[in-house]
Amino acid sequence: MAKPRPLSIISRASIAGHPLHPLMIHFPVAALLALVASDIGFWLSGDPFWMRASLWLAGVGALAAG
């Protein structure tokens, strides 16, 4: 008796047959982790650079997650 073939999940969002989700998930995760680090940097130093960096990282993380 022949073994049934396992069903594969086909992604509709792919490039050359490779799904985009594993590629794109790293950007919002990295941005939001860096956001925590820049918030700590602002908390420790009071330098406005870290506040601006946090704002940009929050925006990038939110846009990339969407």
N, C-alpha and C. Protein backbone atom coordinates (compact mmCIF):
# COMPACT_ATOMS: atom_id res chain seq x y z
N MET A 1 0.84 -1.18 0.00
CA MET A 1 0.00 0.00 0.00
C MET A 1 0.89 1.24 0.00
N ALA A 2 0.55 2.20 -0.83
CA ALA A 2 1.35 3.42 -0.95
C ALA A 2 1.07 4.34 0.23
N LYS A 3 2.11 5.01 0.68
CA LYS A 3 1.97 5.98 1.77
C LYS A 3 1.36 7.26 1.22
N PRO A 4 0.42 7.86 1.96
CA PRO A 4 -0.14 9.13 1.48
C PRO A 4 0.89 10.25 1.59
N ARG A 5 0.85 11.13 0.60
CA ARG A 5 1.77 12.27 0.62
C ARG A 5 1.32 13.27 1.67
N PRO A 6 2.26 13.79 2.47
CA PRO A 6 1.88 14.81 3.45
C PRO A 6 1.45 16.09 2.72
N LEU A 7 0.44 16.71 3.25
CA LEU A 7 -0.03 17.97 2.67
C LEU A 7 0.94 19.09 3.03
N SER A 8 1.26 19.90 2.06
CA SER A 8 2.15 21.03 2.32
C SER A 8 1.32 22.32 2.30
N ILE A 9 1.72 23.24 3.10
CA ILE A 9 1.04 24.53 3.16
C ILE A 9 1.68 25.44 2.13
N ILE A 10 0.87 25.99 1.27
CA ILE A 10 1.37 26.87 0.22
C ILE A 10 1.04 28.30 0.62
N SER A 11 2.08 29.12 0.66
CA SER A 11 1.91 30.52 1.03
C SER A 11 1.52 31.34 -0.18
N ARG A 12 0.53 32.20 -0.02
CA ARG A 12 0.15 33.10 -1.11
C ARG A 12 1.10 34.28 -1.21
N ALA A 13 1.77 34.61 -0.11
CA ALA A 13 2.76 35.70 -0.11
C ALA A 13 4.14 35.06 -0.15
N SER A 14 4.68 34.93 -1.35
CA SER A 14 5.97 34.26 -1.49
C SER A 14 6.74 34.86 -2.66
N ILE A 15 8.03 34.66 -2.61
CA ILE A 15 8.92 35.05 -3.70
C ILE A 15 9.63 33.79 -4.15
N ALA A 16 9.45 33.42 -5.40
CA ALA A 16 10.06 32.23 -5.99
C ALA A 16 9.74 30.98 -5.16
N GLY A 17 8.52 30.92 -4.63
CA GLY A 17 8.10 29.76 -3.86
C GLY A 17 8.50 29.75 -2.40
N HIS A 18 9.24 30.76 -1.96
CA HIS A 18 9.67 30.85 -0.57
C HIS A 18 8.75 31.82 0.18
N PRO A 19 8.16 31.40 1.30
CA PRO A 19 7.22 32.27 2.01
C PRO A 19 7.93 33.49 2.61
N LEU A 20 7.21 34.60 2.68
CA LEU A 20 7.77 35.85 3.19
C LEU A 20 7.74 35.95 4.70
N HIS A 21 6.83 35.26 5.37
CA HIS A 21 6.69 35.41 6.82
C HIS A 21 7.99 35.14 7.58
N PRO A 22 8.70 34.03 7.33
CA PRO A 22 9.95 33.81 8.07
C PRO A 22 11.01 34.89 7.82
N LEU A 23 10.94 35.52 6.66
CA LEU A 23 11.89 36.60 6.35
C LEU A 23 11.52 37.90 7.05
N MET A 24 10.22 38.23 7.07
CA MET A 24 9.78 39.53 7.55
C MET A 24 9.57 39.61 9.06
N ILE A 25 9.47 38.50 9.76
CA ILE A 25 9.17 38.53 11.19
C ILE A 25 10.32 39.12 12.00
N HIS A 26 11.52 39.11 11.48
CA HIS A 26 12.68 39.58 12.23
C HIS A 26 12.69 41.10 12.41
N PHE A 27 12.14 41.85 11.47
CA PHE A 27 12.20 43.30 11.53
C PHE A 27 11.40 43.89 12.69
N PRO A 28 10.12 43.55 12.87
CA PRO A 28 9.40 44.14 14.00
C PRO A 28 9.92 43.65 15.35
N VAL A 29 10.36 42.40 15.42
CA VAL A 29 10.89 41.89 16.69
C VAL A 29 12.17 42.63 17.07
N ALA A 30 13.06 42.81 16.10
CA ALA A 30 14.31 43.52 16.37
C ALA A 30 14.05 44.98 16.73
N ALA A 31 13.11 45.63 16.02
CA ALA A 31 12.82 47.03 16.31
C ALA A 31 12.23 47.19 17.71
N LEU A 32 11.35 46.29 18.11
CA LEU A 32 10.72 46.44 19.42
C LEU A 32 11.68 46.07 20.55
N LEU A 33 12.60 45.14 20.31
CA LEU A 33 13.63 44.86 21.31
C LEU A 33 14.60 46.04 21.44
N ALA A 34 14.95 46.66 20.30
CA ALA A 34 15.81 47.84 20.36
C ALA A 34 15.08 49.01 21.01
N LEU A 35 13.76 49.05 20.88
CA LEU A 35 12.96 50.08 21.54
C LEU A 35 13.13 50.00 23.05
N VAL A 36 13.10 48.81 23.59
CA VAL A 36 13.29 48.64 25.04
C VAL A 36 14.68 49.13 25.44
N ALA A 37 15.70 48.78 24.64
CA ALA A 37 17.06 49.21 24.94
C ALA A 37 17.19 50.73 24.88
N SER A 38 16.56 51.36 23.88
CA SER A 38 16.67 52.82 23.78
C SER A 38 15.88 53.52 24.88
N ASP A 39 14.78 52.92 25.32
CA ASP A 39 14.06 53.48 26.47
C ASP A 39 14.92 53.43 27.74
N ILE A 40 15.62 52.34 27.92
CA ILE A 40 16.54 52.22 29.07
C ILE A 40 17.67 53.23 28.94
N GLY A 41 18.18 53.42 27.71
CA GLY A 41 19.22 54.42 27.47
C GLY A 41 18.76 55.81 27.82
N PHE A 42 17.51 56.15 27.47
CA PHE A 42 16.97 57.47 27.82
C PHE A 42 16.77 57.58 29.33
N TRP A 43 16.28 56.52 29.94
CA TRP A 43 16.04 56.53 31.38
C TRP A 43 17.34 56.73 32.16
N LEU A 44 18.43 56.11 31.69
CA LEU A 44 19.70 56.22 32.40
C LEU A 44 20.44 57.53 32.12
N SER A 45 20.35 58.04 30.89
CA SER A 45 21.16 59.21 30.54
C SER A 45 20.35 60.50 30.44
N GLY A 46 19.08 60.43 30.11
CA GLY A 46 18.30 61.65 29.92
C GLY A 46 18.59 62.34 28.60
N ASP A 47 19.39 61.72 27.73
CA ASP A 47 19.76 62.31 26.44
C ASP A 47 18.56 62.23 25.49
N PRO A 48 18.14 63.35 24.89
CA PRO A 48 16.97 63.33 23.99
C PRO A 48 17.17 62.46 22.75
N PHE A 49 18.41 62.15 22.40
CA PHE A 49 18.65 61.25 21.26
C PHE A 49 17.92 59.92 21.46
N TRP A 50 17.98 59.39 22.67
CA TRP A 50 17.35 58.09 22.93
C TRP A 50 15.83 58.18 22.85
N MET A 51 15.27 59.34 23.19
CA MET A 51 13.82 59.52 23.07
C MET A 51 13.41 59.52 21.60
N ARG A 52 14.19 60.22 20.76
CA ARG A 52 13.90 60.23 19.32
C ARG A 52 14.10 58.85 18.73
N ALA A 53 15.14 58.15 19.15
CA ALA A 53 15.38 56.79 18.65
C ALA A 53 14.23 55.87 19.04
N SER A 54 13.71 56.01 20.25
CA SER A 54 12.58 55.21 20.69
C SER A 54 11.35 55.48 19.85
N LEU A 55 11.11 56.73 19.53
CA LEU A 55 9.96 57.07 18.71
C LEU A 55 10.06 56.44 17.32
N TRP A 56 11.23 56.53 16.71
CA TRP A 56 11.44 55.93 15.39
C TRP A 56 11.32 54.40 15.46
N LEU A 57 11.90 53.80 16.46
CA LEU A 57 11.83 52.34 16.59
C LEU A 57 10.40 51.86 16.82
N ALA A 58 9.63 52.60 17.59
CA ALA A 58 8.23 52.24 17.80
C ALA A 58 7.46 52.32 16.49
N GLY A 59 7.70 53.35 15.71
CA GLY A 59 7.04 53.48 14.41
C GLY A 59 7.43 52.39 13.45
N VAL A 60 8.72 52.12 13.35
CA VAL A 60 9.20 51.06 12.46
C VAL A 60 8.66 49.70 12.88
N GLY A 61 8.67 49.44 14.18
CA GLY A 61 8.15 48.17 14.69
C GLY A 61 6.66 48.01 14.41
N ALA A 62 5.89 49.08 14.59
CA ALA A 62 4.45 49.01 14.34
C ALA A 62 4.15 48.86 12.85
N LEU A 63 4.85 49.59 12.01
CA LEU A 63 4.62 49.47 10.56
C LEU A 63 5.05 48.11 10.03
N ALA A 64 6.18 47.61 10.50
CA ALA A 64 6.65 46.31 10.02
C ALA A 64 5.75 45.18 10.52
N ALA A 65 5.19 45.34 11.70
CA ALA A 65 4.29 44.30 12.21
C ALA A 65 2.97 44.29 11.45
N GLY A 66 2.57 45.44 10.95
CA GLY A 66 1.32 45.52 10.21
C GLY A 66 1.47 44.96 8.83
